[in-house]
Amino acid sequence: MSNVQLILGDISAAGCDAIVNAANPTLLGGGGVDGAIHRAAGPALYEACLAVPPLGKQRCPTGEARITAAGKLNCRYVIHTVGPVYHSDEHSAPLLKRAYENSLLLALANDCRSLALPAISCGAYAYPLTKAAAIALGLALEPRWSQLDLRFYLYEQQSFDSWQQVFKRLT
């Protein structure tokens, strides 16, 4: 049985150890998944993000991940990661894979066993759905993550259908 699930729904309502946030480098909220998570978590998440030490103007460079308390969300942590703005597979794919991988490593380092993940970079950052799904699901299905219960939340039917096609191809 796979430890990976696809769910059509709102990631901010997920009940798990940690929710992965598709953040921007400031970690201070934005649109899409990031905005939904910040709204659901309340001001405590914003305050937790402010406490993350910045590196210049960024609190989290592209491909990296940071962890904070979760505010009002039904989880212990929010793992913030910044995916790439899509330009090409050559430049964007390694950064997207690193964003997911660093999120999973941070979850393990903080004793998380269940994780809700979004389609990182697939909204405003314009990553093609099937290409992003192949990267994310290919990584998630690796045996090294077998102790994690990974739930990918897709908000729209089109996204869910695209990811479902890739998932069926990989399993």
N, C-alpha and C. Protein backbone atom coordinates (compact mmCIF):
# COMPACT_ATOMS: atom_id res chain seq x y z
N MET A 1 0.84 -1.19 0.00
CA MET A 1 0.00 0.00 0.00
C MET A 1 0.88 1.25 0.00
N SER A 2 0.53 2.22 -0.83
CA SER A 2 1.32 3.44 -0.96
C SER A 2 1.10 4.36 0.24
N ASN A 3 2.13 5.09 0.59
CA ASN A 3 2.05 6.08 1.64
C ASN A 3 1.69 7.45 1.07
N VAL A 4 1.33 7.49 -0.21
CA VAL A 4 1.03 8.73 -0.91
C VAL A 4 -0.44 8.73 -1.34
N GLN A 5 -1.13 9.84 -1.04
CA GLN A 5 -2.53 10.02 -1.43
C GLN A 5 -2.70 11.35 -2.14
N LEU A 6 -3.66 11.39 -3.04
CA LEU A 6 -4.07 12.64 -3.66
C LEU A 6 -5.47 12.97 -3.15
N ILE A 7 -5.66 14.21 -2.74
CA ILE A 7 -6.93 14.64 -2.16
C ILE A 7 -7.39 15.91 -2.87
N LEU A 8 -8.61 15.92 -3.32
CA LEU A 8 -9.21 17.12 -3.89
C LEU A 8 -9.79 17.91 -2.71
N GLY A 9 -9.18 19.04 -2.39
CA GLY A 9 -9.66 19.79 -1.24
C GLY A 9 -8.74 20.93 -0.84
N ASP A 10 -9.08 21.53 0.27
CA ASP A 10 -8.40 22.71 0.81
C ASP A 10 -7.32 22.27 1.81
N ILE A 11 -6.08 22.51 1.50
CA ILE A 11 -4.97 22.09 2.35
C ILE A 11 -5.03 22.74 3.73
N SER A 12 -5.60 23.93 3.82
CA SER A 12 -5.63 24.62 5.13
C SER A 12 -6.55 23.92 6.13
N ALA A 13 -7.37 22.99 5.65
CA ALA A 13 -8.26 22.23 6.53
C ALA A 13 -7.69 20.85 6.88
N ALA A 14 -6.50 20.55 6.40
CA ALA A 14 -5.90 19.23 6.63
C ALA A 14 -5.57 19.03 8.10
N GLY A 15 -5.82 17.82 8.58
CA GLY A 15 -5.42 17.43 9.93
C GLY A 15 -4.23 16.49 9.82
N CYS A 16 -3.07 16.94 10.25
CA CYS A 16 -1.84 16.15 10.14
C CYS A 16 -0.77 16.76 11.03
N ASP A 17 0.41 16.20 11.02
CA ASP A 17 1.50 16.76 11.83
C ASP A 17 1.98 18.10 11.28
N ALA A 18 2.07 18.22 9.95
CA ALA A 18 2.56 19.46 9.35
C ALA A 18 1.89 19.68 8.00
N ILE A 19 1.72 20.94 7.68
CA ILE A 19 1.24 21.37 6.37
C ILE A 19 2.40 22.08 5.68
N VAL A 20 2.65 21.71 4.44
CA VAL A 20 3.67 22.39 3.65
C VAL A 20 3.00 23.57 2.96
N ASN A 21 3.62 24.73 3.09
CA ASN A 21 3.11 25.96 2.50
C ASN A 21 3.96 26.32 1.29
N ALA A 22 3.32 26.55 0.16
CA ALA A 22 4.00 27.06 -1.03
C ALA A 22 4.14 28.56 -0.84
N ALA A 23 5.22 28.95 -0.20
CA ALA A 23 5.42 30.32 0.25
C ALA A 23 6.20 31.15 -0.77
N ASN A 24 6.28 32.43 -0.48
CA ASN A 24 7.22 33.29 -1.21
C ASN A 24 8.42 33.51 -0.30
N PRO A 25 9.50 34.06 -0.80
CA PRO A 25 10.73 34.15 0.00
C PRO A 25 10.64 34.97 1.29
N THR A 26 9.64 35.84 1.42
CA THR A 26 9.51 36.62 2.65
C THR A 26 8.84 35.83 3.77
N LEU A 27 8.06 34.80 3.42
CA LEU A 27 7.25 33.98 4.32
C LEU A 27 6.10 34.75 4.97
N LEU A 28 5.81 35.95 4.51
CA LEU A 28 4.83 36.79 5.20
C LEU A 28 3.46 36.79 4.55
N GLY A 29 3.14 35.77 3.81
CA GLY A 29 1.82 35.66 3.21
C GLY A 29 1.81 36.12 1.77
N GLY A 30 0.79 35.72 1.07
CA GLY A 30 0.65 36.06 -0.34
C GLY A 30 -0.69 35.58 -0.83
N GLY A 31 -0.74 35.15 -2.07
CA GLY A 31 -1.98 34.65 -2.65
C GLY A 31 -2.00 33.14 -2.67
N GLY A 32 -3.01 32.58 -3.31
CA GLY A 32 -3.11 31.14 -3.51
C GLY A 32 -3.04 30.34 -2.22
N VAL A 33 -2.27 29.26 -2.26
CA VAL A 33 -2.10 28.37 -1.10
C VAL A 33 -1.55 29.14 0.09
N ASP A 34 -0.56 29.97 -0.16
CA ASP A 34 0.08 30.75 0.91
C ASP A 34 -0.95 31.63 1.63
N GLY A 35 -1.75 32.35 0.87
CA GLY A 35 -2.77 33.20 1.46
C GLY A 35 -3.82 32.42 2.24
N ALA A 36 -4.24 31.29 1.68
CA ALA A 36 -5.24 30.45 2.35
C ALA A 36 -4.71 29.92 3.68
N ILE A 37 -3.48 29.48 3.70
CA ILE A 37 -2.88 28.96 4.93
C ILE A 37 -2.73 30.07 5.97
N HIS A 38 -2.27 31.23 5.55
CA HIS A 38 -2.11 32.34 6.50
C HIS A 38 -3.47 32.79 7.05
N ARG A 39 -4.49 32.85 6.20
CA ARG A 39 -5.82 33.26 6.68
C ARG A 39 -6.37 32.26 7.69
N ALA A 40 -6.23 30.97 7.39
CA ALA A 40 -6.75 29.94 8.28
C ALA A 40 -5.98 29.86 9.59
N ALA A 41 -4.69 30.13 9.54
CA ALA A 41 -3.84 30.03 10.73
C ALA A 41 -3.98 31.22 11.66
N GLY A 42 -4.38 32.36 11.13
CA GLY A 42 -4.51 33.56 11.94
C GLY A 42 -3.18 34.27 12.14
N PRO A 43 -3.20 35.34 12.91
CA PRO A 43 -2.02 36.19 13.07
C PRO A 43 -0.82 35.49 13.71
N ALA A 44 -1.05 34.41 14.43
CA ALA A 44 0.08 33.71 15.07
C ALA A 44 1.07 33.16 14.03
N LEU A 45 0.58 32.77 12.87
CA LEU A 45 1.48 32.27 11.83
C LEU A 45 2.34 33.41 11.27
N TYR A 46 1.74 34.54 11.07
CA TYR A 46 2.49 35.71 10.61
C TYR A 46 3.59 36.06 11.61
N GLU A 47 3.26 36.05 12.88
CA GLU A 47 4.24 36.35 13.94
C GLU A 47 5.35 35.31 13.95
N ALA A 48 4.99 34.04 13.78
CA ALA A 48 6.01 32.98 13.74
C ALA A 48 6.93 33.16 12.55
N CYS A 49 6.37 33.58 11.43
CA CYS A 49 7.20 33.81 10.23
C CYS A 49 8.13 35.01 10.41
N LEU A 50 7.63 36.04 11.07
CA LEU A 50 8.48 37.20 11.36
C LEU A 50 9.69 36.82 12.20
N ALA A 51 9.55 35.80 13.02
CA ALA A 51 10.64 35.36 13.90
C ALA A 51 11.72 34.56 13.16
N VAL A 52 11.44 34.14 11.92
CA VAL A 52 12.45 33.42 11.13
C VAL A 52 13.49 34.44 10.68
N PRO A 53 14.75 34.21 11.02
CA PRO A 53 15.78 35.20 10.66
C PRO A 53 15.92 35.36 9.15
N PRO A 54 15.88 36.60 8.67
CA PRO A 54 16.03 36.81 7.23
C PRO A 54 17.49 36.67 6.78
N LEU A 55 17.65 36.28 5.54
CA LEU A 55 18.95 36.27 4.86
C LEU A 55 18.85 37.35 3.80
N GLY A 56 19.26 38.56 4.13
CA GLY A 56 19.01 39.69 3.24
C GLY A 56 17.53 40.01 3.28
N LYS A 57 16.88 40.03 2.11
CA LYS A 57 15.45 40.31 2.03
C LYS A 57 14.61 39.04 2.08
N GLN A 58 15.27 37.89 2.12
CA GLN A 58 14.55 36.62 2.09
C GLN A 58 14.65 35.89 3.43
N ARG A 59 13.56 35.28 3.82
CA ARG A 59 13.59 34.38 4.98
C ARG A 59 13.77 32.94 4.52
N CYS A 60 13.46 32.68 3.24
CA CYS A 60 13.57 31.34 2.70
C CYS A 60 13.87 31.41 1.21
N PRO A 61 15.11 31.16 0.82
CA PRO A 61 15.45 31.17 -0.61
C PRO A 61 14.77 30.02 -1.36
N THR A 62 14.65 30.17 -2.65
CA THR A 62 14.02 29.17 -3.50
C THR A 62 14.70 27.81 -3.33
N GLY A 63 13.88 26.79 -3.14
CA GLY A 63 14.37 25.43 -2.97
C GLY A 63 14.62 25.03 -1.52
N GLU A 64 14.63 25.98 -0.62
CA GLU A 64 14.85 25.69 0.79
C GLU A 64 13.52 25.60 1.54
N ALA A 65 13.58 25.25 2.81
CA ALA A 65 12.38 25.13 3.63
C ALA A 65 12.66 25.61 5.05
N ARG A 66 11.62 26.16 5.68
CA ARG A 66 11.69 26.61 7.07
C ARG A 66 10.45 26.09 7.79
N ILE A 67 10.55 25.91 9.10
CA ILE A 67 9.43 25.38 9.87
C ILE A 67 9.03 26.39 10.96
N THR A 68 7.72 26.52 11.16
CA THR A 68 7.19 27.39 12.21
C THR A 68 6.03 26.68 12.91
N ALA A 69 5.60 27.28 14.00
CA ALA A 69 4.35 26.85 14.64
C ALA A 69 3.21 27.10 13.66
N ALA A 70 2.06 26.48 13.91
CA ALA A 70 0.98 26.48 12.93
C ALA A 70 -0.20 27.40 13.24
N GLY A 71 -0.13 28.15 14.31
CA GLY A 71 -1.27 29.01 14.63
C GLY A 71 -2.53 28.19 14.86
N LYS A 72 -3.64 28.59 14.25
CA LYS A 72 -4.94 27.94 14.46
C LYS A 72 -5.16 26.72 13.57
N LEU A 73 -4.20 26.33 12.76
CA LEU A 73 -4.37 25.17 11.87
C LEU A 73 -4.42 23.88 12.68
N ASN A 74 -5.00 22.86 12.09
CA ASN A 74 -5.15 21.55 12.75
C ASN A 74 -3.89 20.70 12.52
N CYS A 75 -2.75 21.27 12.90
CA CYS A 75 -1.47 20.57 12.77
C CYS A 75 -0.48 21.22 13.75
N ARG A 76 0.67 20.58 13.92
CA ARG A 76 1.68 21.14 14.82
C ARG A 76 2.54 22.20 14.15
N TYR A 77 2.84 21.99 12.88
CA TYR A 77 3.80 22.85 12.19
C TYR A 77 3.31 23.26 10.80
N VAL A 78 3.88 24.36 10.33
CA VAL A 78 3.82 24.71 8.91
C VAL A 78 5.26 24.69 8.41
N ILE A 79 5.47 23.94 7.36
CA ILE A 79 6.78 23.91 6.70
C ILE A 79 6.64 24.77 5.46
N HIS A 80 7.36 25.88 5.45
CA HIS A 80 7.30 26.84 4.35
C HIS A 80 8.41 26.50 3.36
N THR A 81 8.07 26.41 2.10
CA THR A 81 9.09 26.19 1.08
C THR A 81 8.78 27.09 -0.10
N VAL A 82 9.81 27.49 -0.80
CA VAL A 82 9.66 28.37 -1.96
C VAL A 82 10.04 27.60 -3.20
N GLY A 83 9.06 27.41 -4.07
CA GLY A 83 9.31 26.77 -5.34
C GLY A 83 9.76 27.78 -6.37
N PRO A 84 10.23 27.29 -7.50
CA PRO A 84 10.72 28.20 -8.54
C PRO A 84 9.59 28.77 -9.39
N VAL A 85 9.83 29.94 -9.93
CA VAL A 85 9.00 30.45 -11.01
C VAL A 85 9.41 29.66 -12.24
N TYR A 86 8.45 29.10 -12.96
CA TYR A 86 8.78 28.22 -14.08
C TYR A 86 9.35 29.01 -15.26
N HIS A 87 10.53 28.60 -15.72
CA HIS A 87 11.15 29.15 -16.93
C HIS A 87 11.42 28.04 -17.94
N SER A 88 11.98 26.95 -17.43
CA SER A 88 12.29 25.79 -18.26
C SER A 88 12.53 24.61 -17.35
N ASP A 89 12.43 23.42 -17.90
CA ASP A 89 12.71 22.23 -17.09
C ASP A 89 14.13 22.23 -16.58
N GLU A 90 15.04 22.65 -17.43
CA GLU A 90 16.47 22.61 -17.09
C GLU A 90 16.77 23.42 -15.82
N HIS A 91 16.19 24.59 -15.71
CA HIS A 91 16.48 25.45 -14.56
C HIS A 91 15.50 25.26 -13.40
N SER A 92 14.26 24.95 -13.70
CA SER A 92 13.23 24.91 -12.67
C SER A 92 13.10 23.55 -11.97
N ALA A 93 13.27 22.46 -12.70
CA ALA A 93 13.04 21.12 -12.13
C ALA A 93 13.92 20.83 -10.92
N PRO A 94 15.23 21.10 -10.97
CA PRO A 94 16.05 20.81 -9.78
C PRO A 94 15.62 21.62 -8.55
N LEU A 95 15.19 22.86 -8.76
CA LEU A 95 14.74 23.69 -7.64
C LEU A 95 13.42 23.20 -7.07
N LEU A 96 12.51 22.76 -7.93
CA LEU A 96 11.24 22.24 -7.44
C LEU A 96 11.46 20.96 -6.65
N LYS A 97 12.29 20.08 -7.17
CA LYS A 97 12.59 18.84 -6.45
C LYS A 97 13.21 19.15 -5.09
N ARG A 98 14.12 20.11 -5.06
CA ARG A 98 14.78 20.48 -3.81
C ARG A 98 13.79 21.07 -2.81
N ALA A 99 12.80 21.83 -3.27
CA ALA A 99 11.78 22.40 -2.38
C ALA A 99 11.00 21.28 -1.69
N TYR A 100 10.60 20.28 -2.47
CA TYR A 100 9.87 19.14 -1.87
C TYR A 100 10.79 18.33 -0.96
N GLU A 101 11.99 18.04 -1.42
CA GLU A 101 12.91 17.22 -0.64
C GLU A 101 13.27 17.88 0.69
N ASN A 102 13.57 19.17 0.67
CA ASN A 102 13.90 19.87 1.91
C ASN A 102 12.71 19.92 2.86
N SER A 103 11.49 19.98 2.33
CA SER A 103 10.29 19.94 3.17
C SER A 103 10.16 18.59 3.86
N LEU A 104 10.39 17.51 3.11
CA LEU A 104 10.30 16.16 3.68
C LEU A 104 11.39 15.92 4.72
N LEU A 105 12.58 16.40 4.44
CA LEU A 105 13.68 16.25 5.41
C LEU A 105 13.38 17.01 6.70
N LEU A 106 12.84 18.20 6.57
CA LEU A 106 12.48 19.00 7.74
C LEU A 106 11.37 18.33 8.54
N ALA A 107 10.42 17.72 7.85
CA ALA A 107 9.35 16.97 8.54
C ALA A 107 9.95 15.84 9.36
N LEU A 108 10.83 15.06 8.76
CA LEU A 108 11.46 13.95 9.49
C LEU A 108 12.28 14.45 10.68
N ALA A 109 13.01 15.53 10.50
CA ALA A 109 13.85 16.08 11.57
C ALA A 109 13.03 16.57 12.75
N ASN A 110 11.74 16.85 12.51
CA ASN A 110 10.86 17.34 13.57
C ASN A 110 9.80 16.31 13.98
N ASP A 111 10.13 15.03 13.74
CA ASP A 111 9.29 13.91 14.17
C ASP A 111 7.87 13.95 13.62
N CYS A 112 7.70 14.46 12.43
CA CYS A 112 6.40 14.43 11.77
C CYS A 112 6.24 13.10 11.05
N ARG A 113 5.03 12.60 11.05
CA ARG A 113 4.73 11.35 10.34
C ARG A 113 3.68 11.55 9.26
N SER A 114 2.86 12.60 9.39
CA SER A 114 1.85 12.88 8.37
C SER A 114 2.03 14.31 7.87
N LEU A 115 1.93 14.44 6.57
CA LEU A 115 2.25 15.71 5.93
C LEU A 115 1.25 16.01 4.82
N ALA A 116 0.73 17.22 4.80
CA ALA A 116 -0.12 17.69 3.71
C ALA A 116 0.72 18.60 2.83
N LEU A 117 0.70 18.32 1.52
CA LEU A 117 1.53 19.07 0.58
C LEU A 117 0.69 19.63 -0.56
N PRO A 118 1.04 20.83 -1.02
CA PRO A 118 0.33 21.41 -2.17
C PRO A 118 1.08 21.12 -3.47
N ALA A 119 0.52 21.59 -4.55
CA ALA A 119 1.19 21.55 -5.86
C ALA A 119 2.07 22.79 -5.94
N ILE A 120 3.26 22.69 -5.38
CA ILE A 120 4.18 23.84 -5.28
C ILE A 120 4.50 24.39 -6.66
N SER A 121 4.45 25.69 -6.78
CA SER A 121 4.79 26.45 -7.99
C SER A 121 3.77 26.33 -9.12
N CYS A 122 2.65 25.64 -8.91
CA CYS A 122 1.69 25.43 -10.00
C CYS A 122 0.66 26.55 -10.16
N GLY A 123 0.65 27.49 -9.26
CA GLY A 123 -0.29 28.62 -9.37
C GLY A 123 0.38 29.79 -10.07
N ALA A 124 0.61 30.85 -9.33
CA ALA A 124 1.18 32.08 -9.88
C ALA A 124 2.58 31.87 -10.48
N TYR A 125 3.29 30.82 -10.02
CA TYR A 125 4.64 30.58 -10.54
C TYR A 125 4.63 29.76 -11.83
N ALA A 126 3.44 29.37 -12.30
CA ALA A 126 3.19 28.82 -13.65
C ALA A 126 3.90 27.51 -13.98
N TYR A 127 4.20 26.68 -12.99
CA TYR A 127 4.81 25.39 -13.30
C TYR A 127 3.74 24.50 -13.94
N PRO A 128 4.03 23.87 -15.07
CA PRO A 128 3.04 22.98 -15.71
C PRO A 128 2.65 21.84 -14.77
N LEU A 129 1.35 21.59 -14.66
CA LEU A 129 0.82 20.62 -13.69
C LEU A 129 1.44 19.24 -13.81
N THR A 130 1.47 18.68 -15.00
CA THR A 130 1.96 17.30 -15.13
C THR A 130 3.46 17.21 -14.88
N LYS A 131 4.19 18.23 -15.25
CA LYS A 131 5.64 18.23 -14.99
C LYS A 131 5.90 18.33 -13.49
N ALA A 132 5.16 19.19 -12.81
CA ALA A 132 5.32 19.32 -11.35
C ALA A 132 4.92 18.04 -10.65
N ALA A 133 3.83 17.43 -11.11
CA ALA A 133 3.36 16.18 -10.51
C ALA A 133 4.40 15.08 -10.65
N ALA A 134 5.03 14.98 -11.81
CA ALA A 134 6.05 13.95 -12.02
C ALA A 134 7.22 14.12 -11.06
N ILE A 135 7.62 15.36 -10.83
CA ILE A 135 8.73 15.63 -9.90
C ILE A 135 8.31 15.32 -8.47
N ALA A 136 7.18 15.87 -8.04
CA ALA A 136 6.74 15.71 -6.65
C ALA A 136 6.41 14.26 -6.32
N LEU A 137 5.63 13.61 -7.18
CA LEU A 137 5.22 12.24 -6.90
C LEU A 137 6.37 11.26 -7.08
N GLY A 138 7.23 11.52 -8.05
CA GLY A 138 8.40 10.66 -8.22
C GLY A 138 9.26 10.65 -6.97
N LEU A 139 9.45 11.82 -6.38
CA LEU A 139 10.22 11.93 -5.13
C LEU A 139 9.46 11.28 -3.98
N ALA A 140 8.17 11.58 -3.85
CA ALA A 140 7.37 11.08 -2.73
C ALA A 140 7.29 9.56 -2.70
N LEU A 141 7.35 8.93 -3.85
CA LEU A 141 7.24 7.47 -3.93
C LEU A 141 8.56 6.74 -3.68
N GLU A 142 9.63 7.49 -3.47
CA GLU A 142 10.92 6.85 -3.15
C GLU A 142 10.83 6.16 -1.79
N PRO A 143 11.45 4.99 -1.65
CA PRO A 143 11.38 4.22 -0.39
C PRO A 143 11.87 4.99 0.84
N ARG A 144 12.75 5.95 0.68
CA ARG A 144 13.28 6.66 1.86
C ARG A 144 12.23 7.46 2.61
N TRP A 145 11.07 7.69 1.99
CA TRP A 145 10.00 8.44 2.65
C TRP A 145 8.88 7.54 3.12
N SER A 146 9.09 6.25 3.13
CA SER A 146 8.00 5.29 3.41
C SER A 146 7.40 5.46 4.81
N GLN A 147 8.13 6.04 5.75
CA GLN A 147 7.58 6.23 7.10
C GLN A 147 6.68 7.46 7.18
N LEU A 148 6.60 8.24 6.11
CA LEU A 148 5.75 9.42 6.09
C LEU A 148 4.43 9.13 5.38
N ASP A 149 3.35 9.63 5.94
CA ASP A 149 2.04 9.60 5.30
C ASP A 149 1.93 10.92 4.54
N LEU A 150 2.03 10.86 3.22
CA LEU A 150 2.07 12.07 2.39
C LEU A 150 0.74 12.24 1.66
N ARG A 151 0.12 13.39 1.90
CA ARG A 151 -1.17 13.69 1.28
C ARG A 151 -1.02 14.96 0.46
N PHE A 152 -1.15 14.81 -0.85
CA PHE A 152 -1.08 15.96 -1.74
C PHE A 152 -2.49 16.52 -1.92
N TYR A 153 -2.66 17.78 -1.53
CA TYR A 153 -3.95 18.45 -1.65
C TYR A 153 -3.97 19.28 -2.92
N LEU A 154 -4.93 18.98 -3.78
CA LEU A 154 -5.12 19.71 -5.02
C LEU A 154 -6.46 20.42 -4.91
N TYR A 155 -6.46 21.71 -5.10
CA TYR A 155 -7.63 22.53 -4.82
C TYR A 155 -8.67 22.51 -5.93
N GLU A 156 -8.23 22.34 -7.16
CA GLU A 156 -9.14 22.37 -8.29
C GLU A 156 -9.19 21.02 -8.99
N GLN A 157 -10.33 20.71 -9.59
CA GLN A 157 -10.52 19.42 -10.26
C GLN A 157 -9.48 19.20 -11.36
N GLN A 158 -9.18 20.22 -12.15
CA GLN A 158 -8.20 20.08 -13.23
C GLN A 158 -6.83 19.68 -12.68
N SER A 159 -6.42 20.30 -11.59
CA SER A 159 -5.14 19.94 -10.97
C SER A 159 -5.18 18.50 -10.46
N PHE A 160 -6.26 18.15 -9.79
CA PHE A 160 -6.40 16.79 -9.26
C PHE A 160 -6.33 15.77 -10.39
N ASP A 161 -7.06 16.02 -11.48
CA ASP A 161 -7.07 15.08 -12.60
C ASP A 161 -5.68 14.92 -13.22
N SER A 162 -4.96 16.03 -13.39
CA SER A 162 -3.60 15.98 -13.95
C SER A 162 -2.67 15.17 -13.06
N TRP A 163 -2.73 15.44 -11.76
CA TRP A 163 -1.86 14.72 -10.82
C TRP A 163 -2.26 13.25 -10.74
N GLN A 164 -3.56 12.96 -10.82
CA GLN A 164 -4.03 11.58 -10.76
C GLN A 164 -3.49 10.78 -11.95
N GLN A 165 -3.47 11.37 -13.13
CA GLN A 165 -2.93 10.69 -14.31
C GLN A 165 -1.45 10.34 -14.10
N VAL A 166 -0.68 11.29 -13.59
CA VAL A 166 0.74 11.05 -13.35
C VAL A 166 0.91 9.99 -12.26
N PHE A 167 0.11 10.06 -11.21
CA PHE A 167 0.20 9.10 -10.11
C PHE A 167 -0.06 7.68 -10.62
N LYS A 168 -1.07 7.51 -11.44
CA LYS A 168 -1.38 6.19 -12.00
C LYS A 168 -0.23 5.67 -12.87
N ARG A 169 0.39 6.56 -13.60
CA ARG A 169 1.53 6.18 -14.45
C ARG A 169 2.73 5.73 -13.61
N LEU A 170 2.93 6.36 -12.45
CA LEU A 170 4.09 6.05 -11.60
C LEU A 170 3.90 4.87 -10.67
N THR A 171 2.65 4.47 -10.42
CA THR A 171 2.41 3.37 -9.47
C THR A 171 1.93 2.12 -10.15
